[in-house]
Each structure stands twice: as structure tokens, then as C-alpha cells.
Amino acid sequence: MRFGTSVLAVVTASVLAGCAAEIPGNPQPGQLPVDIAALNTGAYSPQPTGHDFEISTIGELRLVESRRMLEYLVSPSEIDSDISVAGPLALFSGPDIVGEQTFPAQYEAAAVDNNMLLGVYLSRINGNLRKRKKLIISVLRFPTDDASRQAAEQFDRITNAEPSRHPLAVSAYPQAGVSSGDDITAVGFLAHGPYVIMVNTAVPEPDAGALASIVGRTFQAQTARLDQTTPTPLDDVLDLPLDPDSIMRRTLPQSSDYSDPFFGDSDIGVYAPAAALHFERDPERMRKAFEDSGVDLVARRGGMLYRARDLAGAFRLQNALMTAGRKDEELPPPPGLGDARCLKLDVADETRNFDLFCTVVFDRYVGVVISKAGLTGRMDGTLYQRAAAQYAILANSEGAR
């Protein structure tokens, strides 16, 4: 007996539906197979290596606490979600706060006179050149509450040395020194325990009320955040866990030939998610991605390594990290790493000066390796070697979870 075409289609659909109904659970992402022995890791070892935290000077000791303080620094995007474009980030290990992208030279005296110990500094802007917004938040730690009060007063006096400035009233913080010269920008200083909170903000049009509101909301958020922690006595800093769960040994090390695109190592270390967000291009989007993916630990070494909840979370995080801007360009994956993804950025990263990066996924980890395009815009060949090495390091790390 022959079946008509329409009858056969119905029977086939019914069989397929029945089969689908018998498969329990939810589909999960899986890793593509990788031949680790065939990967080209270049000059990098495919084996995990421990990171030696060289702490032989008081400055290196203080940087450990500065990195921890990032967890309690408010992001400008928390105050105004428009202010999310990455700007300079700095960690201070003493009163040397002056720099092209941090404090002007005249502020050094207040830091030196009051024996500033350490601090953090973060700047972000919005993406609209015609209606520019800016918010810089810095937290500076001093030896005592008295020293921080004196420093805040001195910072404010230095700011108001310009005769054109006038005070701005922030009603909830009458003890703060807040001033403006044009009602477009404002600078404020507030002592809170052993800390001085500095806020520098700008709005598109003259608006003293808007400036006072931003400064007041920033003071409120930052004091509340600082109240969640206790300053670590410097004598106890070495008792802090420098490499929780050995995540640094699983992270790509710095290159032995100094070909990394960044200079200095002040940011090298392990971070809680709240601290790691300050390094991200889009902190509010990545805050949600961290939560969705279950990120609980981030390491920064030669590359960056994120620990997610599980493999599914790692793939979700990779998707978030690979979100391309309008002028960014997705690149082919490295040979042999089908799950890897690479991107060329239109604007280089503020902290580490890279404009090329790749992400690799292994188990619950997402590794990010970085490089810098040459003057001709051509891709640095070592980027793929770094991606291969990071994958191999993860695969060869015993007890990877």
C-alpha cells in the first residue's frame, strides 16, 4: 500500500515530535575538541606557572591594598548610566598623585604634607561630544582621620586659589569643599574617616544645581561603599590572600620579550567582580553579564582570566566580552581553537593600551589575551600564540575548577 505525500508528512512530524518529547533536560553548550599538542604557543609555555608577587618595597605593599580598594570604589556609571565610556584608571602607592591623566601638579603638596598612603582614581565620560558629561571619582587614604580632614581642606584651598571660583552648596554635606568656576564643571573634596573622596564632574550646560546634585549623590554612594570595609593595617597586608584558588597560575604570564602592549604592572593581581568591573569598556553591561554568568574571581597578569559559574556561564560571558562597537571588527579565530573569538577595537583600551584581543573558553574559565596592532593596522601574529597558550595552560591546570 502506498501513502500519499501529505499523510507521510503528518506521520513523520508525529514521530519527530514524539522523539523530541522523550529528551529530558535543557540543551547546554559544549566545547569543540582541541588538539593541545598541535597548538602553536610560540615562546609561551603551555604549562601553568606561579606568579611571584614581589613585595620588597613599601610602594609594592601599598599597591596590594590599593587594588583591594577598587572593590569599594563607586563607578561613575552607577551615578549616571550615560557616563560609561572608559577613561584613565590609576592606583596610587603614596603621595605621588600627579600625572597627565590624574591630578594637576598643584595638588601634590596636600598629598605630601598629610602623608598620603595610597589611593584609587577612575575617570569616565559619556559618548556625546556635543553634550559632554564627565565624572571622576578618587579615594585617597591617609594615616588618620585628622590627616584626611586637613588634606581635604588643603585640597579645597588649592582648588579655590583661582579667583573666578565660587562655592557650591551640597546640603547633605556642609563640611565638604565643593566649588565651580563656570557652573559647567565642579570639584569637591570630602573627608570620611581616613579617606578623602574627590569628585570632579561636568555637565553639558551651566547648571549649578545639577553639579551639586551629582557631587552629593557621588558622596552618598561612595561613603556608603567605604563603610562596607575597614582599612587594612599596612602591617597586615601580607596576610591578605594574594592568589585565591591559584587563579594566577592559570593566567597567561607576561611575555618574556617585553612585547606586551602595556607598561607597568600595578594592576596585576586578583580582583573581586566589583573591582574588576572598573577595567571593563562598558561597566553596566558587564555588571549584568558578571551576574548572569556567575563570575566570582578575575585575574590580571599577561592576560585576563575570568572564573564563571560553569561552562554555560563561561560561554555567556564570552559573548558579553565580545560585544563589538560600531567601528570594531571581528577577526578570524586562531588555528585549532574553534571556540575562540577575536576582535579589533577602534579605540585602544585605556589601562593596557591594547586594540586586539581574543577570548578562549575552557571549563568555567574565560581567558582574554591582548596585543597591539602595528602602525599599518596589521595584526600582531603573537596574539594567536597567546590565545593558544592560554587555552593550553587552562587545559594543563590540574583541578581546573
Protein backbone atom coordinates (compact mmCIF):
# COMPACT_ATOMS: atom_id res chain seq x y z
CA MET A 1 0.00 0.00 0.00
CA ARG A 2 1.31 3.48 -0.85
CA PHE A 3 0.89 6.54 1.36
CA GLY A 4 0.12 9.93 -0.07
CA THR A 5 2.68 12.69 0.42
CA SER A 6 0.52 14.63 2.88
CA VAL A 7 -0.12 11.57 5.03
CA LEU A 8 3.60 10.74 5.13
CA ALA A 9 4.42 14.28 6.25
CA VAL A 10 1.97 14.05 9.13
CA VAL A 11 3.31 10.68 10.25
CA THR A 12 6.92 11.93 10.05
CA ALA A 13 6.11 15.06 12.07
CA SER A 14 4.37 12.97 14.70
CA VAL A 15 7.36 10.65 15.05
CA LEU A 16 9.77 13.57 15.36
CA ALA A 17 7.57 15.27 17.93
CA GLY A 18 7.41 12.08 19.94
CA CYS A 19 11.18 11.69 19.87
CA ALA A 20 11.72 15.30 20.97
CA ALA A 21 9.34 14.85 23.88
CA GLU A 22 11.43 11.96 25.22
CA ILE A 23 14.66 14.02 25.56
CA PRO A 24 14.87 15.36 29.15
CA GLY A 25 16.66 18.49 30.39
CA ASN A 26 17.84 21.65 28.64
CA PRO A 27 20.44 21.82 25.86
CA GLN A 28 23.85 23.08 27.08
CA PRO A 29 26.82 24.47 25.15
CA GLY A 30 29.77 22.19 24.65
CA GLN A 31 33.41 22.84 23.85
CA LEU A 32 34.73 21.92 20.43
CA PRO A 33 37.57 19.37 20.61
CA VAL A 34 41.10 20.81 20.64
CA ASP A 35 44.38 19.02 19.90
CA ILE A 36 46.52 20.71 22.53
CA ALA A 37 49.75 19.17 21.23
CA ALA A 38 49.15 20.77 17.83
CA LEU A 39 48.63 24.31 19.16
CA ASN A 40 51.27 26.91 18.30
CA THR A 41 52.06 28.63 21.60
CA GLY A 42 55.17 30.40 20.32
CA ALA A 43 57.54 31.42 23.11
CA TYR A 44 54.90 30.77 25.77
CA SER A 45 54.90 27.65 27.89
CA PRO A 46 51.67 25.62 27.66
CA GLN A 47 52.03 24.76 31.35
CA PRO A 48 50.65 26.77 34.29
CA THR A 49 53.23 28.87 36.16
CA GLY A 50 53.01 30.53 39.54
CA HIS A 51 53.17 34.32 39.79
CA ASP A 52 55.72 35.75 42.20
CA PHE A 53 54.23 38.80 43.91
CA GLU A 54 57.42 40.73 44.51
CA ILE A 55 56.73 42.87 47.56
CA SER A 56 60.09 44.27 48.56
CA THR A 57 59.21 47.96 48.87
CA ILE A 58 56.59 49.94 50.79
CA GLY A 59 55.13 51.06 47.47
CA GLU A 60 54.53 47.47 46.32
CA LEU A 61 52.96 46.70 49.70
CA ARG A 62 50.59 49.65 49.42
CA LEU A 63 49.57 48.68 45.89
CA VAL A 64 48.12 45.45 47.24
CA GLU A 65 45.73 47.48 49.38
CA SER A 66 45.03 49.91 46.52
CA ARG A 67 43.94 47.01 44.33
CA ARG A 68 41.66 45.78 47.11
CA MET A 69 40.18 49.27 47.46
CA LEU A 70 38.93 49.12 43.87
CA GLU A 71 36.22 46.78 45.13
CA TYR A 72 34.83 49.69 47.16
CA LEU A 73 35.18 52.41 44.55
CA VAL A 74 31.93 53.65 43.05
CA SER A 75 31.78 53.60 39.25
CA PRO A 76 30.67 56.85 37.55
CA SER A 77 28.13 54.79 35.61
CA GLU A 78 26.42 53.96 38.91
CA ILE A 79 25.71 57.67 39.37
CA ASP A 80 24.72 58.33 35.75
CA SER A 81 24.40 55.39 33.36
CA ASP A 82 25.32 57.69 30.43
CA ILE A 83 28.81 58.19 31.90
CA SER A 84 30.21 54.82 30.89
CA VAL A 85 33.00 55.47 28.35
CA ALA A 86 36.28 54.32 29.85
CA GLY A 87 38.85 56.91 30.88
CA PRO A 88 42.04 56.81 32.95
CA LEU A 89 42.27 54.46 35.93
CA ALA A 90 45.14 54.82 38.38
CA LEU A 91 46.37 53.11 41.54
CA PHE A 92 48.44 55.21 43.93
CA SER A 93 51.06 53.80 46.31
CA GLY A 94 51.97 57.06 48.01
CA PRO A 95 51.62 60.83 47.65
CA ASP A 96 52.79 60.85 44.02
CA ILE A 97 49.35 61.55 42.54
CA VAL A 98 50.40 63.97 39.79
CA GLY A 99 50.15 62.85 36.20
CA GLU A 100 48.95 63.79 32.75
CA GLN A 101 45.73 61.89 33.33
CA THR A 102 45.30 62.22 37.09
CA PHE A 103 45.91 65.22 39.38
CA PRO A 104 47.48 68.56 38.35
CA ALA A 105 50.85 69.41 39.93
CA GLN A 106 49.47 71.87 42.45
CA TYR A 107 47.68 69.09 44.36
CA GLU A 108 50.84 67.18 45.20
CA ALA A 109 51.59 69.40 48.22
CA ALA A 110 48.38 68.39 50.02
CA ALA A 111 49.14 64.70 49.47
CA VAL A 112 52.76 65.05 50.63
CA ASP A 113 52.06 67.35 53.61
CA ASN A 114 49.49 64.95 55.02
CA ASN A 115 51.43 61.74 54.30
CA MET A 116 49.00 60.16 51.88
CA LEU A 117 49.39 56.38 51.92
CA LEU A 118 47.60 55.07 48.84
CA GLY A 119 44.51 55.52 46.70
CA VAL A 120 42.48 54.86 43.56
CA TYR A 121 41.31 57.10 40.72
CA LEU A 122 38.74 56.48 37.99
CA SER A 123 37.51 58.73 35.17
CA ARG A 124 34.67 58.17 32.68
CA ILE A 125 32.76 60.32 30.18
CA ASN A 126 29.62 59.90 28.11
CA GLY A 127 29.67 59.20 24.39
CA ASN A 128 28.21 62.51 23.21
CA LEU A 129 30.81 65.11 22.19
CA ARG A 130 28.18 67.83 21.81
CA LYS A 131 26.70 67.23 25.26
CA ARG A 132 29.73 66.18 27.22
CA LYS A 133 29.38 64.69 30.69
CA LYS A 134 32.29 63.72 32.92
CA LEU A 135 32.69 62.15 36.33
CA ILE A 136 35.98 61.42 38.07
CA ILE A 137 35.95 59.70 41.45
CA SER A 138 39.07 59.26 43.56
CA VAL A 139 39.52 57.85 47.06
CA LEU A 140 42.76 58.71 48.85
CA ARG A 141 43.77 57.09 52.16
CA PHE A 142 45.67 58.94 54.89
CA PRO A 143 47.18 57.71 58.18
CA THR A 144 44.46 59.17 60.42
CA ASP A 145 41.06 60.86 60.35
CA ASP A 146 42.72 64.15 61.32
CA ALA A 147 45.16 63.88 58.42
CA SER A 148 42.33 63.25 55.95
CA ARG A 149 40.39 66.31 57.23
CA GLN A 150 43.46 68.51 56.90
CA ALA A 151 44.15 67.12 53.43
CA ALA A 152 40.56 67.75 52.27
CA GLU A 153 40.74 71.36 53.47
CA GLN A 154 44.11 71.86 51.78
CA PHE A 155 42.90 70.32 48.51
CA ASP A 156 39.91 72.69 48.58
CA ARG A 157 42.10 75.75 49.28
CA ILE A 158 44.37 74.84 46.37
CA THR A 159 41.35 74.45 44.09
CA ASN A 160 39.98 77.83 45.10
CA ALA A 161 43.26 79.65 44.51
CA GLU A 162 41.70 80.58 41.17
CA PRO A 163 39.84 83.85 41.86
CA SER A 164 36.98 83.08 39.49
CA ARG A 165 35.71 80.11 41.51
CA HIS A 166 32.70 80.14 43.81
CA PRO A 167 31.42 77.59 46.32
CA LEU A 168 28.58 75.19 45.55
CA ALA A 169 26.27 74.17 48.39
CA VAL A 170 25.70 70.42 48.80
CA SER A 171 23.16 70.45 51.61
CA ALA A 172 23.75 66.90 52.86
CA TYR A 173 27.50 67.53 53.16
CA PRO A 174 28.06 71.05 54.55
CA GLN A 175 31.55 70.01 55.69
CA ALA A 176 32.65 69.27 52.11
CA GLY A 177 34.53 71.74 49.98
CA VAL A 178 32.78 71.98 46.60
CA SER A 179 33.35 74.72 44.04
CA SER A 180 32.98 75.70 40.39
CA GLY A 181 34.36 78.36 38.10
CA ASP A 182 31.74 78.20 35.36
CA ASP A 183 28.82 76.06 36.64
CA ILE A 184 29.74 73.52 33.95
CA THR A 185 32.45 71.76 35.96
CA ALA A 186 32.78 71.27 39.70
CA VAL A 187 35.35 69.80 42.05
CA GLY A 188 34.58 68.59 45.56
CA PHE A 189 36.52 67.10 48.48
CA LEU A 190 35.05 65.26 51.45
CA ALA A 191 36.89 63.66 54.37
CA HIS A 192 35.37 60.38 55.51
CA GLY A 193 37.31 58.55 58.20
CA PRO A 194 40.92 58.20 56.99
CA TYR A 195 39.83 58.81 53.40
CA VAL A 196 39.42 61.85 51.19
CA ILE A 197 36.83 61.46 48.46
CA MET A 198 37.47 63.65 45.42
CA VAL A 199 34.73 64.25 42.84
CA ASN A 200 35.32 66.11 39.57
CA THR A 201 32.27 66.37 37.33
CA ALA A 202 30.99 68.21 34.26
CA VAL A 203 27.56 68.78 32.68
CA PRO A 204 26.75 69.93 29.12
CA GLU A 205 25.32 73.37 30.04
CA PRO A 206 25.83 75.72 33.00
CA ASP A 207 23.73 74.29 35.82
CA ALA A 208 24.93 74.75 39.40
CA GLY A 209 22.04 72.69 40.76
CA ALA A 210 22.84 69.72 38.53
CA LEU A 211 26.51 69.85 39.55
CA ALA A 212 25.63 69.96 43.25
CA SER A 213 23.25 67.03 42.78
CA ILE A 214 25.88 64.86 41.06
CA VAL A 215 28.51 65.66 43.68
CA GLY A 216 26.06 64.98 46.52
CA ARG A 217 24.90 61.65 45.05
CA THR A 218 28.51 60.60 44.48
CA PHE A 219 29.48 61.46 48.06
CA GLN A 220 26.48 59.50 49.34
CA ALA A 221 27.26 56.41 47.27
CA GLN A 222 30.99 56.49 47.96
CA THR A 223 30.72 56.97 51.73
CA ALA A 224 28.23 54.10 51.91
CA ARG A 225 30.62 51.88 49.93
CA LEU A 226 33.57 52.75 52.17
CA ASP A 227 31.51 51.93 55.24
CA GLN A 228 31.37 48.35 53.97
CA THR A 229 35.10 47.84 54.53
CA THR A 230 37.83 48.50 57.06
CA PRO A 231 41.24 49.83 56.01
CA THR A 232 43.80 47.05 56.19
CA PRO A 233 46.69 48.00 58.52
CA LEU A 234 49.77 48.06 56.32
CA ASP A 235 51.50 45.60 58.66
CA ASP A 236 48.71 43.11 57.87
CA VAL A 237 48.62 43.50 54.09
CA LEU A 238 50.84 40.47 53.52
CA ASP A 239 48.29 38.36 55.37
CA LEU A 240 45.77 39.01 52.58
CA PRO A 241 45.29 36.13 50.11
CA LEU A 242 47.24 37.29 47.05
CA ASP A 243 46.25 34.40 44.77
CA PRO A 244 42.90 32.91 45.84
CA ASP A 245 42.33 29.41 44.45
CA SER A 246 45.58 29.69 42.46
CA ILE A 247 43.89 31.57 39.63
CA MET A 248 47.08 33.49 38.77
CA ARG A 249 48.94 30.29 37.85
CA ARG A 250 46.18 29.57 35.33
CA THR A 251 46.51 33.00 33.73
CA LEU A 252 48.82 33.77 30.81
CA PRO A 253 52.05 35.33 32.17
CA GLN A 254 53.68 38.47 30.86
CA SER A 255 55.81 37.99 27.75
CA SER A 256 59.49 37.30 28.31
CA ASP A 257 60.47 39.59 25.41
CA TYR A 258 58.56 42.66 26.73
CA SER A 259 56.22 42.62 23.73
CA ASP A 260 53.07 43.15 25.83
CA PRO A 261 51.27 46.35 24.83
CA PHE A 262 51.14 47.70 28.39
CA PHE A 263 53.78 49.24 30.62
CA GLY A 264 53.96 48.79 34.38
CA ASP A 265 52.37 46.11 36.49
CA SER A 266 50.40 47.99 39.13
CA ASP A 267 47.12 46.32 38.07
CA ILE A 268 48.50 42.76 38.07
CA GLY A 269 46.65 40.77 40.71
CA VAL A 270 43.38 39.09 41.63
CA TYR A 271 40.11 41.01 41.87
CA ALA A 272 36.59 40.55 43.15
CA PRO A 273 33.99 41.17 40.42
CA ALA A 274 33.11 44.65 41.75
CA ALA A 275 36.75 45.70 41.41
CA ALA A 276 37.28 44.06 38.01
CA LEU A 277 34.33 45.98 36.53
CA HIS A 278 36.34 49.21 36.65
CA PHE A 279 38.60 47.85 33.89
CA GLU A 280 35.71 46.99 31.54
CA ARG A 281 34.76 49.03 28.47
CA ASP A 282 31.06 49.05 29.41
CA PRO A 283 30.77 48.55 33.18
CA GLU A 284 26.98 48.48 33.48
CA ARG A 285 26.52 45.94 30.69
CA MET A 286 29.32 43.82 32.12
CA ARG A 287 27.90 44.10 35.64
CA LYS A 288 24.81 42.25 34.38
CA ALA A 289 26.99 39.81 32.43
CA PHE A 290 29.02 39.03 35.57
CA GLU A 291 25.82 38.34 37.49
CA ASP A 292 24.27 36.23 34.74
CA SER A 293 27.49 34.21 34.29
CA GLY A 294 28.26 33.82 37.98
CA VAL A 295 31.69 35.46 37.80
CA ASP A 296 33.32 35.29 41.23
CA LEU A 297 37.02 35.92 40.55
CA VAL A 298 39.13 37.76 37.96
CA ALA A 299 42.90 37.69 37.50
CA ARG A 300 45.03 40.18 35.58
CA ARG A 301 48.50 39.05 34.55
CA GLY A 302 49.85 38.99 30.98
CA GLY A 303 46.24 38.32 30.02
CA MET A 304 42.99 38.37 31.98
CA LEU A 305 41.15 35.34 33.31
CA TYR A 306 37.52 35.25 34.47
CA ARG A 307 36.04 32.40 36.53
CA ALA A 308 32.34 31.86 35.81
CA ARG A 309 29.77 29.61 37.49
CA ASP A 310 30.07 26.81 34.91
CA LEU A 311 30.74 26.16 31.23
CA ALA A 312 27.40 27.64 30.16
CA GLY A 313 28.18 30.77 32.17
CA ALA A 314 31.63 30.97 30.58
CA PHE A 315 30.13 31.00 27.08
CA ARG A 316 27.62 33.68 28.12
CA LEU A 317 30.46 35.77 29.48
CA GLN A 318 32.49 35.30 26.29
CA ASN A 319 29.54 36.64 24.29
CA ALA A 320 29.37 39.71 26.52
CA LEU A 321 33.11 40.37 26.32
CA MET A 322 32.96 40.09 22.53
CA THR A 323 30.23 42.72 22.08
CA ALA A 324 31.59 44.88 19.27
CA GLY A 325 31.25 48.62 18.94
CA ARG A 326 30.13 50.23 15.69
CA LYS A 327 33.70 50.55 14.38
CA ASP A 328 35.16 47.41 15.93
CA GLU A 329 36.00 44.46 13.70
CA GLU A 330 35.63 40.74 14.44
CA LEU A 331 38.67 38.69 13.39
CA PRO A 332 39.02 35.00 12.45
CA PRO A 333 39.69 32.63 15.37
CA PRO A 334 43.19 31.25 15.96
CA PRO A 335 44.03 27.95 14.21
CA GLY A 336 42.84 24.93 16.18
CA LEU A 337 40.64 26.89 18.58
CA GLY A 338 37.16 26.78 17.13
CA ASP A 339 35.51 28.29 20.22
CA ALA A 340 37.92 31.22 20.40
CA ARG A 341 36.82 34.65 19.19
CA CYS A 342 38.89 37.73 18.40
CA LEU A 343 38.19 41.43 18.00
CA LYS A 344 39.99 44.53 16.76
CA LEU A 345 38.98 47.63 18.69
CA ASP A 346 38.62 51.04 17.08
CA VAL A 347 39.76 52.71 20.33
CA ALA A 348 42.56 51.19 22.40
CA ASP A 349 41.98 50.08 25.98
CA GLU A 350 42.73 52.87 28.47
CA THR A 351 44.57 50.78 31.06
CA ARG A 352 46.55 48.31 28.96
CA ASN A 353 46.79 50.04 25.59
CA PHE A 354 45.62 47.05 23.52
CA ASP A 355 43.39 47.18 20.47
CA LEU A 356 43.44 43.46 19.61
CA PHE A 357 42.17 40.70 21.85
CA CYS A 358 40.96 37.11 21.77
CA THR A 359 38.78 35.17 24.20
CA VAL A 360 39.11 31.44 24.84
CA VAL A 361 36.77 29.23 26.89
CA PHE A 362 37.81 26.19 28.90
CA ASP A 363 35.55 24.63 31.51
CA ARG A 364 34.28 27.52 33.70
CA TYR A 365 37.08 29.92 32.67
CA VAL A 366 37.25 32.64 30.02
CA GLY A 367 40.75 33.79 29.13
CA VAL A 368 41.42 37.11 27.40
CA VAL A 369 44.73 37.68 25.63
CA ILE A 370 45.77 41.02 24.19
CA SER A 371 48.04 42.69 21.66
CA LYS A 372 48.50 45.94 19.75
CA ALA A 373 48.11 46.40 16.00
CA GLY A 374 51.11 47.88 14.21
CA LEU A 375 51.17 51.30 12.62
CA THR A 376 49.87 49.76 9.41
CA GLY A 377 46.93 48.22 11.27
CA ARG A 378 48.20 44.68 10.65
CA MET A 379 47.52 42.07 13.28
CA ASP A 380 50.29 41.02 15.64
CA GLY A 381 50.93 37.31 15.00
CA THR A 382 51.71 36.66 18.65
CA LEU A 383 48.05 37.28 19.53
CA TYR A 384 47.06 33.82 18.26
CA GLN A 385 50.04 32.24 20.04
CA ARG A 386 48.91 33.86 23.27
CA ALA A 387 45.39 32.52 22.77
CA ALA A 388 46.76 29.03 22.16
CA ALA A 389 48.99 29.27 25.22
CA GLN A 390 46.15 30.46 27.46
CA TYR A 391 43.95 27.56 26.35
CA ALA A 392 46.77 25.05 26.88
CA ILE A 393 47.56 26.46 30.32
CA LEU A 394 43.94 26.00 31.38
CA ALA A 395 43.77 22.50 29.92
CA ASN A 396 47.00 21.54 31.69
CA SER A 397 45.99 23.00 35.06
CA GLU A 398 45.21 20.13 37.37
CA GLY A 399 41.95 20.61 39.27
CA ALA A 400 40.90 23.34 36.82
CA ARG A 401 37.64 24.01 38.64
